[in-house]
Amino acid sequence: MTDKQVSLSLEQLIAAALTGDSITSANVYAVIEETTTAIAEGEATAGQEKQRAFDPALSPDPKAARDRMEDALFKVGRLKTLLPRLQ
């Protein structure tokens, strides 16, 4: 990947891969691999945030706990939506 692509977020890289004419198949493959890894890591994070959210001792502020949990699930959902388009 180019220096410019390295500084982009994963979602920006995916968008570039889906819309760009100049991206190589090797770069698309690398983005697919990165997306797959990010989904797995995001699912693990979402699971941890869910456990924390339901434990008042760990997360005394229910709104903040729910926000963290929903943010983690949302990020995973967006990546899962994009992955089939890349493939």
Protein backbone atom coordinates (compact mmCIF):
# COMPACT_ATOMS: atom_id res chain seq x y z
CA MET A 1 0.00 0.00 0.00
CA THR A 2 1.09 3.55 -0.54
CA ASP A 3 2.02 5.97 2.25
CA LYS A 4 -1.29 7.77 1.69
CA GLN A 5 -3.27 4.53 2.15
CA VAL A 6 -1.45 3.70 5.40
CA SER A 7 -2.66 6.95 6.97
CA LEU A 8 -6.31 6.22 6.08
CA SER A 9 -8.73 4.50 8.44
CA LEU A 10 -9.77 0.97 7.58
CA GLU A 11 -13.18 2.18 6.40
CA GLN A 12 -11.50 4.76 4.17
CA LEU A 13 -9.24 2.05 2.75
CA ILE A 14 -12.27 -0.11 2.02
CA ALA A 15 -14.03 2.79 0.31
CA ALA A 16 -10.92 3.43 -1.78
CA ALA A 17 -10.72 -0.25 -2.69
CA LEU A 18 -14.37 -0.30 -3.72
CA THR A 19 -14.30 2.92 -5.74
CA GLY A 20 -10.73 3.31 -6.91
CA ASP A 21 -9.53 2.21 -10.31
CA SER A 22 -5.87 2.37 -9.37
CA ILE A 23 -5.88 -0.14 -6.50
CA THR A 24 -4.28 -3.48 -7.28
CA SER A 25 -5.81 -6.87 -6.55
CA ALA A 26 -2.99 -7.49 -4.07
CA ASN A 27 -3.98 -4.35 -2.20
CA VAL A 28 -7.64 -5.40 -2.23
CA TYR A 29 -6.60 -8.75 -0.80
CA ALA A 30 -4.62 -6.99 1.94
CA VAL A 31 -7.65 -4.85 2.79
CA ILE A 32 -9.83 -7.99 2.94
CA GLU A 33 -7.37 -9.59 5.34
CA GLU A 34 -7.19 -6.46 7.46
CA THR A 35 -10.99 -6.23 7.51
CA THR A 36 -11.36 -9.87 8.54
CA THR A 37 -8.89 -9.35 11.37
CA ALA A 38 -10.60 -6.14 12.47
CA ILE A 39 -13.97 -7.92 12.57
CA ALA A 40 -12.60 -10.68 14.81
CA GLU A 41 -10.92 -8.15 17.11
CA GLY A 42 -14.04 -5.97 17.11
CA GLU A 43 -16.26 -8.90 18.05
CA ALA A 44 -13.95 -9.69 20.96
CA THR A 45 -14.02 -6.06 22.07
CA ALA A 46 -17.82 -5.93 21.72
CA GLY A 47 -18.12 -9.03 23.89
CA GLN A 48 -15.91 -7.49 26.56
CA GLU A 49 -17.84 -4.23 26.45
CA LYS A 50 -21.11 -6.13 26.78
CA GLN A 51 -19.86 -7.91 29.90
CA ARG A 52 -18.63 -4.63 31.34
CA ALA A 53 -21.88 -2.85 30.45
CA PHE A 54 -23.98 -5.31 32.42
CA ASP A 55 -21.74 -5.16 35.50
CA PRO A 56 -22.49 -2.02 37.54
CA ALA A 57 -19.28 -2.50 39.53
CA LEU A 58 -17.22 -2.16 36.35
CA SER A 59 -19.42 0.41 34.62
CA PRO A 60 -21.35 2.50 37.12
CA ASP A 61 -22.66 4.89 34.44
CA PRO A 62 -25.25 2.89 32.47
CA LYS A 63 -25.46 5.38 29.60
CA ALA A 64 -21.71 5.41 29.04
CA ALA A 65 -21.59 1.62 29.34
CA ARG A 66 -24.35 1.19 26.76
CA ASP A 67 -22.71 3.72 24.45
CA ARG A 68 -19.38 1.84 24.54
CA MET A 69 -21.13 -1.47 23.91
CA GLU A 70 -23.23 -0.12 21.04
CA ASP A 71 -20.23 1.66 19.49
CA ALA A 72 -18.26 -1.59 19.45
CA LEU A 73 -21.17 -3.49 17.89
CA PHE A 74 -21.76 -0.72 15.36
CA LYS A 75 -18.14 -0.74 14.17
CA VAL A 76 -18.25 -4.51 13.67
CA GLY A 77 -21.55 -4.26 11.84
CA ARG A 78 -20.19 -1.69 9.41
CA LEU A 79 -17.17 -3.83 8.62
CA LYS A 80 -19.34 -6.93 8.16
CA THR A 81 -21.47 -4.97 5.70
CA LEU A 82 -18.42 -3.93 3.69
CA LEU A 83 -16.56 -7.25 3.63
CA PRO A 84 -18.78 -9.02 1.05
CA ARG A 85 -18.42 -6.05 -1.31
CA LEU A 86 -14.65 -6.36 -1.11
CA GLN A 87 -14.73 -10.08 -1.75
